[in-house]
Amino acid sequence: MTRFLLKGLLRDKNRSLFPIVIVTLGVMVSVLMYTFMLGVIDDMIRSNAKLDTGHVKVMSRAFSEIAQQLPNDLALSGVRGIISGLENNHPEMEWVPRIRFAGLLDIPDENGETRAQGPVIGVAADLLGKDSKEIERLNIETAVIRGRLPENPGEIVISDEFASNLGVEIGEQATLISATSTGSMALQNFRLVGTVKFGVGVLDRNMMIADISDAQYTLDMEDGASEILGFFPNLVYDEIEADRVADSFNEGVENPEDDFSPLMFTLRQQQGLGEYLDMTYLRIWIILGSFFFVMSMVLWNAGLMSGIRRFGEIGVRLAIGESKAHVYSSLLIESILVGIAGSMIGTAIGLGFSYYLQEVGWDISGMMEGTNMVMADVMRARITPESYYIGFFPGLFATFLGSAISGIAVFRRRTAQLFKELEA
């Protein structure tokens, strides 16, 4: 019977075309919205982890309380020993020191006088290390707009927008004016060798990137760092494992109340990201749940309308002796066939658009102007195994439910009434 009904749907476009189109559109939008929402969250987590928080981060207790002020007088000391212990206890993770600092970047003229000056936010990472992955992790190489990466001590790169505002060219000298870890004034000359653009508004305004050894010398932080970041393999954040690693490390701290005691924080414990992610997930599932409910109602209504339009056909079939149960079961099988066909086509099209957004992305740089949120200017989708079947819930079950409810009317048709309808 299923083969017979399938042939009937293929030959009668009035019974199949419109329902399949409706199901296809609904499933396509459902899949696209689901993958896009996941991509937004992933981009936010990945951007924050690589540029700021890591998957876990080790800071001194006092530094963590006012981390936004970049208080390097409260930074970690004995960093090599801390990293050695972390690598022994958690060899599956990669541990890297970084220094964050703030100051003024002064551009002198030919007479050594200030030509331009602006506030700068600096990040120092291991850029010159032979086996370092920091350049790749920070996407510095792909972010270069002009010039090149630092290859020698004393070389820096700054954001391209910042360089344009200062009017500085590649190869010119720049002087960093900041404070050392002991509270003294720090003055150090650097050579500008390149400009970068990360596609993150808050970083592209006034960022400076230097090698960590230069920053340690300039800020008087020998064997010191603002923070030690830990990363899981392939930059995939594992919340359960991150909690386990942090708890294990913190339990081994001898005096956690000491201002300079190192403590480990997970990504969710930093900058209110935990509450923000929980709120984001809740809103996303509310939006998706509401959308799926609305789409289910639309597809359910389509099934109801399809059943109502076919009352005349149903009457004829009952009049020639077909049983009500057989008519009802055939309607359900047709709805399943329509739901499967529409869901498969809709999922394929939705995944096609999702793949484009995953690989190419959607540029929202115009919307990010003036924001302080660490989020990529190009938003992407993320295709997961769930993406291949999530559209079948509104596409198949709602269509089936609509036909099941509308088909109940089959059992309410009376034979005497059928002959009156046929005579009319």
Protein backbone atom coordinates (compact mmCIF):
# COMPACT_ATOMS: atom_id res chain seq x y z
CA MET A 1 0.00 0.00 0.00
CA THR A 2 2.86 2.38 0.76
CA ARG A 3 4.22 2.01 -2.79
CA PHE A 4 0.76 2.68 -4.21
CA LEU A 5 0.34 5.82 -2.08
CA LEU A 6 3.81 7.05 -3.04
CA LYS A 7 2.95 6.76 -6.72
CA GLY A 8 -0.26 8.65 -6.08
CA LEU A 9 1.61 11.52 -4.38
CA LEU A 10 4.14 11.72 -7.22
CA ARG A 11 1.44 11.81 -9.89
CA ASP A 12 -0.96 14.17 -8.11
CA LYS A 13 0.93 17.42 -7.49
CA ASN A 14 -2.08 18.98 -5.75
CA ARG A 15 -1.75 16.44 -2.93
CA SER A 16 2.04 16.56 -2.55
CA LEU A 17 3.64 19.75 -3.91
CA PHE A 18 2.20 22.34 -1.53
CA PRO A 19 2.59 20.21 1.66
CA ILE A 20 6.17 19.27 0.77
CA VAL A 21 7.07 22.90 0.01
CA ILE A 22 5.67 24.02 3.38
CA VAL A 23 7.53 21.27 5.26
CA THR A 24 10.76 21.98 3.34
CA LEU A 25 10.70 25.69 4.18
CA GLY A 26 9.93 25.05 7.84
CA VAL A 27 12.66 22.45 8.27
CA MET A 28 15.20 24.52 6.34
CA VAL A 29 14.72 27.55 8.59
CA SER A 30 14.75 25.36 11.72
CA VAL A 31 18.07 23.73 10.83
CA LEU A 32 19.64 27.03 9.78
CA MET A 33 18.58 28.78 12.98
CA TYR A 34 19.84 25.90 15.15
CA THR A 35 23.30 25.77 13.55
CA PHE A 36 23.63 29.55 13.51
CA MET A 37 22.85 29.84 17.21
CA LEU A 38 25.44 27.18 18.04
CA GLY A 39 27.98 28.98 15.88
CA VAL A 40 27.44 32.26 17.71
CA ILE A 41 28.14 30.62 21.08
CA ASP A 42 31.19 28.76 19.75
CA ASP A 43 32.67 31.94 18.27
CA MET A 44 32.22 33.76 21.54
CA ILE A 45 33.83 30.95 23.60
CA ARG A 46 36.70 30.48 21.13
CA SER A 47 37.45 34.20 20.84
CA ASN A 48 37.48 34.70 24.60
CA ALA A 49 39.59 31.58 25.20
CA LYS A 50 42.28 32.38 22.64
CA LEU A 51 42.54 36.09 23.32
CA ASP A 52 41.88 36.38 27.04
CA THR A 53 40.58 33.64 29.31
CA GLY A 54 42.08 30.38 28.04
CA HIS A 55 40.09 27.27 28.87
CA VAL A 56 41.57 27.64 32.35
CA LYS A 57 43.73 30.44 33.70
CA VAL A 58 46.15 30.69 36.61
CA MET A 59 46.43 34.09 38.32
CA SER A 60 47.44 35.30 41.75
CA ARG A 61 44.48 35.68 44.09
CA ALA A 62 44.87 39.45 44.35
CA PHE A 63 45.35 39.89 40.59
CA SER A 64 42.15 37.96 39.86
CA GLU A 65 40.07 40.31 42.02
CA ILE A 66 40.99 43.39 39.96
CA ALA A 67 42.18 41.75 36.74
CA GLN A 68 40.51 44.38 34.54
CA GLN A 69 42.89 46.99 35.98
CA LEU A 70 45.93 44.94 34.82
CA PRO A 71 47.75 45.21 38.18
CA ASN A 72 51.12 43.65 37.26
CA ASP A 73 52.46 44.52 40.71
CA LEU A 74 50.26 41.56 41.79
CA ALA A 75 51.35 39.29 38.94
CA LEU A 76 52.67 35.75 39.25
CA SER A 77 56.34 35.08 39.96
CA GLY A 78 58.27 31.84 39.52
CA VAL A 79 56.30 31.13 36.36
CA ARG A 80 58.70 28.50 35.01
CA GLY A 81 58.21 26.37 38.12
CA ILE A 82 54.42 26.71 38.03
CA ILE A 83 54.28 25.73 34.36
CA SER A 84 56.60 22.78 34.97
CA GLY A 85 54.25 21.48 37.68
CA LEU A 86 51.20 21.97 35.47
CA GLU A 87 52.82 20.13 32.57
CA ASN A 88 53.68 17.20 34.86
CA ASN A 89 50.17 16.97 36.32
CA HIS A 90 48.21 17.76 33.16
CA PRO A 91 50.38 16.89 30.16
CA GLU A 92 47.36 16.68 27.86
CA MET A 93 46.95 20.45 28.04
CA GLU A 94 49.17 23.23 26.74
CA TRP A 95 50.27 25.90 29.23
CA VAL A 96 51.47 29.32 28.11
CA PRO A 97 52.39 32.48 30.06
CA ARG A 98 51.13 35.88 28.99
CA ILE A 99 51.51 39.43 30.19
CA ARG A 100 48.78 42.00 29.77
CA PHE A 101 49.60 45.63 30.32
CA ALA A 102 48.39 49.13 29.60
CA GLY A 103 50.18 52.38 28.88
CA LEU A 104 50.83 55.03 26.27
CA LEU A 105 52.43 54.47 22.89
CA ASP A 106 54.45 57.50 21.88
CA ILE A 107 55.49 58.16 18.28
CA PRO A 108 58.47 60.56 18.03
CA ASP A 109 59.29 62.85 15.12
CA GLU A 110 62.71 63.32 13.51
CA ASN A 111 63.78 65.49 16.47
CA GLY A 112 62.72 62.93 19.07
CA GLU A 113 59.72 64.99 20.14
CA THR A 114 56.25 63.51 20.49
CA ARG A 115 54.47 63.49 17.15
CA ALA A 116 51.51 61.33 18.16
CA GLN A 117 50.46 59.48 21.26
CA GLY A 118 47.64 57.19 22.28
CA PRO A 119 46.57 54.78 25.01
CA VAL A 120 47.47 51.17 24.29
CA ILE A 121 46.41 47.78 25.63
CA GLY A 122 49.25 45.32 25.31
CA VAL A 123 49.46 41.54 25.11
CA ALA A 124 52.82 39.81 25.41
CA ALA A 125 53.08 36.18 24.35
CA ASP A 126 55.82 33.78 23.29
CA LEU A 127 56.17 34.93 19.67
CA LEU A 128 59.82 34.01 19.13
CA GLY A 129 59.91 30.58 20.76
CA LYS A 130 60.87 27.76 18.41
CA ASP A 131 58.02 25.42 19.37
CA SER A 132 55.52 28.09 20.41
CA LYS A 133 51.99 27.93 19.00
CA GLU A 134 51.00 31.38 20.23
CA ILE A 135 51.16 33.01 16.77
CA GLU A 136 48.82 30.36 15.40
CA ARG A 137 46.58 30.43 18.47
CA LEU A 138 46.20 34.21 18.38
CA ASN A 139 45.75 34.15 14.58
CA ILE A 140 48.40 36.85 14.29
CA GLU A 141 49.81 35.59 10.99
CA THR A 142 46.46 35.65 9.23
CA ALA A 143 45.59 38.97 10.88
CA VAL A 144 48.58 40.84 9.45
CA ILE A 145 47.46 43.72 7.23
CA ARG A 146 50.79 45.46 6.60
CA GLY A 147 54.38 44.50 7.28
CA ARG A 148 55.34 41.24 8.96
CA LEU A 149 55.42 39.41 12.29
CA PRO A 150 58.09 40.10 14.95
CA GLU A 151 61.20 38.07 14.18
CA ASN A 152 63.71 39.71 16.53
CA PRO A 153 63.67 41.13 20.06
CA GLY A 154 62.40 44.69 20.29
CA GLU A 155 59.85 44.34 17.47
CA ILE A 156 56.10 44.80 17.87
CA VAL A 157 52.88 44.85 15.88
CA ILE A 158 49.87 47.04 16.61
CA SER A 159 46.30 47.13 15.33
CA ASP A 160 45.95 48.66 11.88
CA GLU A 161 43.27 51.09 13.01
CA PHE A 162 45.51 52.27 15.86
CA ALA A 163 48.44 52.75 13.46
CA SER A 164 46.27 54.82 11.13
CA ASN A 165 45.08 57.02 13.99
CA LEU A 166 48.66 57.62 15.12
CA GLY A 167 49.92 58.14 11.58
CA VAL A 168 52.81 55.72 12.11
CA GLU A 169 54.40 53.73 9.30
CA ILE A 170 56.07 50.32 9.21
CA GLY A 171 59.68 50.50 10.37
CA GLU A 172 59.24 53.55 12.59
CA GLN A 173 60.14 53.66 16.26
CA ALA A 174 57.53 53.65 19.01
CA THR A 175 58.07 54.23 22.73
CA LEU A 176 56.01 52.39 25.32
CA ILE A 177 55.32 54.37 28.49
CA SER A 178 53.96 52.16 31.24
CA ALA A 179 54.59 51.05 34.83
CA THR A 180 56.84 48.25 36.04
CA SER A 181 55.79 45.52 38.42
CA THR A 182 57.45 47.50 41.24
CA GLY A 183 55.55 50.71 40.51
CA SER A 184 58.31 52.57 38.67
CA MET A 185 57.93 54.19 35.27
CA ALA A 186 58.76 51.95 32.33
CA LEU A 187 60.14 53.45 29.09
CA GLN A 188 61.15 51.20 26.23
CA ASN A 189 61.68 51.76 22.51
CA PHE A 190 60.29 49.25 20.02
CA ARG A 191 60.36 48.92 16.27
CA LEU A 192 56.97 48.68 14.55
CA VAL A 193 57.19 45.89 11.98
CA GLY A 194 53.54 45.21 11.19
CA THR A 195 49.87 45.98 11.72
CA VAL A 196 47.07 43.51 12.39
CA LYS A 197 43.29 43.32 12.33
CA PHE A 198 41.59 40.55 14.31
CA GLY A 199 38.01 41.35 13.40
CA VAL A 200 37.19 42.00 17.07
CA GLY A 201 36.28 45.63 17.64
CA VAL A 202 37.58 45.94 21.19
CA LEU A 203 41.01 44.64 20.13
CA ASP A 204 41.34 46.44 16.82
CA ARG A 205 41.11 49.90 18.34
CA ASN A 206 44.39 50.17 20.28
CA MET A 207 46.14 46.83 20.65
CA MET A 208 49.88 46.14 20.83
CA ILE A 209 51.46 42.68 20.65
CA ALA A 210 55.04 42.01 21.78
CA ASP A 211 57.19 39.04 22.64
CA ILE A 212 56.91 38.06 26.29
CA SER A 213 60.67 38.32 26.91
CA ASP A 214 60.59 41.99 25.81
CA ALA A 215 57.64 42.66 28.11
CA GLN A 216 59.34 40.93 31.05
CA TYR A 217 62.45 43.10 30.55
CA THR A 218 60.45 46.31 30.09
CA LEU A 219 58.10 45.78 33.03
CA ASP A 220 60.73 44.30 35.36
CA MET A 221 58.98 40.92 35.50
CA GLU A 222 61.83 38.41 35.21
CA ASP A 223 60.27 34.91 35.37
CA GLY A 224 56.91 36.59 35.91
CA ALA A 225 53.62 36.78 34.05
CA SER A 226 50.17 38.25 34.49
CA GLU A 227 48.59 34.88 33.89
CA ILE A 228 49.17 31.32 32.73
CA LEU A 229 46.61 30.03 30.25
CA GLY A 230 45.75 26.38 29.73
CA PHE A 231 44.25 25.03 26.51
CA PHE A 232 42.65 21.69 25.72
CA PRO A 233 43.65 19.90 22.50
CA ASN A 234 42.14 21.38 19.31
CA LEU A 235 40.87 24.37 21.32
CA VAL A 236 37.69 22.45 22.25
CA TYR A 237 36.38 23.59 25.62
CA ASP A 238 35.42 20.75 27.97
CA GLU A 239 33.57 22.27 30.91
CA ILE A 240 33.62 19.13 33.09
CA GLU A 241 37.34 18.53 32.55
CA ALA A 242 38.11 22.22 33.13
CA ASP A 243 36.35 22.08 36.51
CA ARG A 244 38.27 18.94 37.44
CA VAL A 245 41.66 20.45 36.52
CA ALA A 246 40.92 23.70 38.38
CA ASP A 247 39.73 21.91 41.51
CA SER A 248 42.79 19.65 41.51
CA PHE A 249 45.16 22.61 41.19
CA ASN A 250 43.45 24.76 43.81
CA GLU A 251 43.39 21.93 46.34
CA GLY A 252 47.17 21.81 46.16
CA VAL A 253 47.67 25.50 46.97
CA GLU A 254 49.30 25.79 50.39
CA ASN A 255 47.96 29.20 51.40
CA PRO A 256 45.02 30.22 49.20
CA GLU A 257 44.41 33.36 51.27
CA ASP A 258 47.82 34.81 50.44
CA ASP A 259 47.62 37.65 47.88
CA PHE A 260 50.29 36.09 45.67
CA SER A 261 49.08 32.50 45.85
CA PRO A 262 48.32 31.12 42.37
CA LEU A 263 44.72 30.08 41.82
CA MET A 264 43.15 28.51 38.75
CA PHE A 265 39.90 29.72 37.19
CA THR A 266 37.88 28.11 34.43
CA LEU A 267 36.57 30.03 31.45
CA ARG A 268 33.11 30.19 32.99
CA GLN A 269 34.50 31.72 36.21
CA GLN A 270 35.99 34.73 34.46
CA GLN A 271 34.41 38.06 33.55
CA GLY A 272 30.91 36.78 34.26
CA LEU A 273 31.09 34.41 31.28
CA GLY A 274 29.36 31.62 33.21
CA GLU A 275 26.23 33.68 33.87
CA TYR A 276 26.36 35.13 30.37
CA LEU A 277 26.64 31.69 28.73
CA ASP A 278 23.82 30.28 30.89
CA MET A 279 21.61 33.21 29.94
CA THR A 280 22.57 32.86 26.27
CA TYR A 281 21.85 29.12 26.23
CA LEU A 282 18.51 29.71 27.96
CA ARG A 283 17.50 32.40 25.49
CA ILE A 284 18.60 30.32 22.54
CA TRP A 285 16.56 27.32 23.63
CA ILE A 286 13.57 29.54 24.36
CA ILE A 287 13.87 31.04 20.87
CA LEU A 288 14.38 27.65 19.25
CA GLY A 289 11.61 26.07 21.30
CA SER A 290 9.21 28.88 20.42
CA PHE A 291 10.19 28.70 16.76
CA PHE A 292 9.81 24.93 16.64
CA PHE A 293 6.40 25.26 18.31
CA VAL A 294 5.27 27.87 15.79
CA MET A 295 6.59 25.80 12.88
CA SER A 296 4.85 22.74 14.30
CA MET A 297 1.59 24.67 14.44
CA VAL A 298 2.04 25.82 10.84
CA LEU A 299 2.77 22.30 9.62
CA TRP A 300 0.00 20.91 11.79
CA ASN A 301 -2.41 23.41 10.25
CA ALA A 302 -1.18 22.42 6.78
CA GLY A 303 -2.03 18.83 7.63
CA LEU A 304 -5.47 19.87 8.87
CA MET A 305 -6.18 21.90 5.74
CA SER A 306 -5.02 19.06 3.54
CA GLY A 307 -7.44 16.72 5.31
CA ILE A 308 -10.35 19.18 5.05
CA ARG A 309 -9.77 19.78 1.33
CA ARG A 310 -9.95 16.06 0.75
CA PHE A 311 -13.31 15.47 2.45
CA GLY A 312 -14.92 14.95 -0.95
CA GLU A 313 -12.33 12.36 -1.95
CA ILE A 314 -12.72 10.64 1.42
CA GLY A 315 -16.48 10.53 0.93
CA VAL A 316 -16.16 8.87 -2.46
CA ARG A 317 -13.75 6.28 -1.10
CA LEU A 318 -16.11 5.46 1.74
CA ALA A 319 -19.09 5.33 -0.63
CA ILE A 320 -17.46 2.67 -2.81
CA GLY A 321 -16.89 0.47 0.20
CA GLU A 322 -13.42 1.30 1.52
CA SER A 323 -13.26 0.93 5.29
CA LYS A 324 -12.83 3.97 7.48
CA ALA A 325 -9.78 2.44 9.18
CA HIS A 326 -8.12 1.86 5.81
CA VAL A 327 -8.80 5.45 4.68
CA TYR A 328 -7.47 6.82 7.96
CA SER A 329 -4.31 4.70 7.83
CA SER A 330 -3.66 5.76 4.23
CA LEU A 331 -3.90 9.43 5.25
CA LEU A 332 -1.36 8.84 8.02
CA ILE A 333 1.04 7.03 5.69
CA GLU A 334 0.77 9.85 3.15
CA SER A 335 1.56 12.41 5.86
CA ILE A 336 4.62 10.39 6.89
CA LEU A 337 5.83 10.23 3.29
CA VAL A 338 5.29 13.97 2.85
CA GLY A 339 7.00 14.70 6.18
CA ILE A 340 10.01 12.53 5.36
CA ALA A 341 10.39 14.01 1.88
CA GLY A 342 10.02 17.61 3.07
CA SER A 343 12.28 17.06 6.08
CA MET A 344 15.03 15.51 3.98
CA ILE A 345 14.93 18.27 1.37
CA GLY A 346 14.66 21.00 4.01
CA THR A 347 17.52 19.53 6.04
CA ALA A 348 19.73 19.31 2.95
CA ILE A 349 19.05 22.91 1.96
CA GLY A 350 19.40 24.14 5.56
CA LEU A 351 22.72 22.33 5.95
CA GLY A 352 23.87 23.84 2.66
CA PHE A 353 23.28 27.38 3.93
CA SER A 354 24.76 26.38 7.30
CA TYR A 355 27.91 25.06 5.64
CA TYR A 356 28.32 28.37 3.80
CA LEU A 357 27.98 30.28 7.07
CA GLN A 358 30.38 27.86 8.75
CA GLU A 359 33.10 28.29 6.12
CA VAL A 360 32.54 31.88 4.92
CA GLY A 361 30.51 33.50 7.70
CA TRP A 362 28.40 36.63 7.97
CA ASP A 363 30.26 39.92 8.40
CA ILE A 364 28.65 42.01 11.16
CA SER A 365 31.54 44.45 11.67
CA GLY A 366 29.18 47.37 11.08
CA MET A 367 27.07 46.28 14.05
CA MET A 368 30.07 45.85 16.36
CA GLU A 369 31.34 49.43 16.23
CA GLY A 370 31.73 50.85 19.74
CA THR A 371 31.15 47.54 21.53
CA ASN A 372 33.49 46.13 24.19
CA MET A 373 32.39 42.53 23.72
CA VAL A 374 35.09 40.08 22.64
CA MET A 375 33.29 38.56 19.68
CA ALA A 376 34.38 37.98 16.11
CA ASP A 377 33.12 40.39 13.47
CA VAL A 378 32.31 37.41 11.23
CA MET A 379 29.58 35.20 12.64
CA ARG A 380 29.53 31.56 11.65
CA ALA A 381 27.26 28.55 12.00
CA ARG A 382 28.33 25.19 13.43
CA ILE A 383 27.09 21.91 12.01
CA THR A 384 26.76 19.16 14.62
CA PRO A 385 25.42 15.60 14.40
CA GLU A 386 22.13 16.88 15.88
CA SER A 387 21.78 19.24 12.92
CA TYR A 388 21.08 16.29 10.63
CA TYR A 389 17.91 15.22 12.42
CA ILE A 390 16.63 18.12 14.52
CA GLY A 391 14.48 19.38 11.64
CA PHE A 392 12.55 16.10 11.56
CA PHE A 393 10.81 16.97 14.82
CA PRO A 394 8.71 19.84 13.42
CA GLY A 395 8.79 18.48 9.87
CA LEU A 396 7.67 14.90 10.40
CA PHE A 397 5.86 14.75 13.73
CA ALA A 398 3.87 17.96 13.28
CA THR A 399 2.71 16.90 9.82
CA PHE A 400 1.78 13.47 11.12
CA LEU A 401 -0.08 14.98 14.09
CA GLY A 402 -2.03 17.37 11.85
CA SER A 403 -3.14 14.55 9.57
CA ALA A 404 -3.94 12.33 12.54
CA ILE A 405 -6.28 14.93 14.05
CA SER A 406 -7.92 15.99 10.80
CA GLY A 407 -8.33 12.34 9.78
CA ILE A 408 -10.50 11.64 12.82
CA ALA A 409 -13.32 13.21 10.83
CA VAL A 410 -13.29 10.07 8.65
CA PHE A 411 -14.96 8.14 11.45
CA ARG A 412 -17.69 10.78 11.74
CA ARG A 413 -18.87 10.52 8.12
CA ARG A 414 -22.28 8.86 7.68
CA THR A 415 -23.14 6.76 4.63
CA ALA A 416 -26.53 8.49 4.16
CA GLN A 417 -24.82 11.89 4.14
CA LEU A 418 -22.26 10.68 1.59
CA PHE A 419 -24.99 9.89 -0.99
CA LYS A 420 -26.57 13.31 -0.48
CA GLU A 421 -23.15 14.93 -1.11
CA LEU A 422 -22.66 12.85 -4.24
CA GLU A 423 -26.11 13.80 -5.56
CA ALA A 424 -25.31 17.46 -4.95
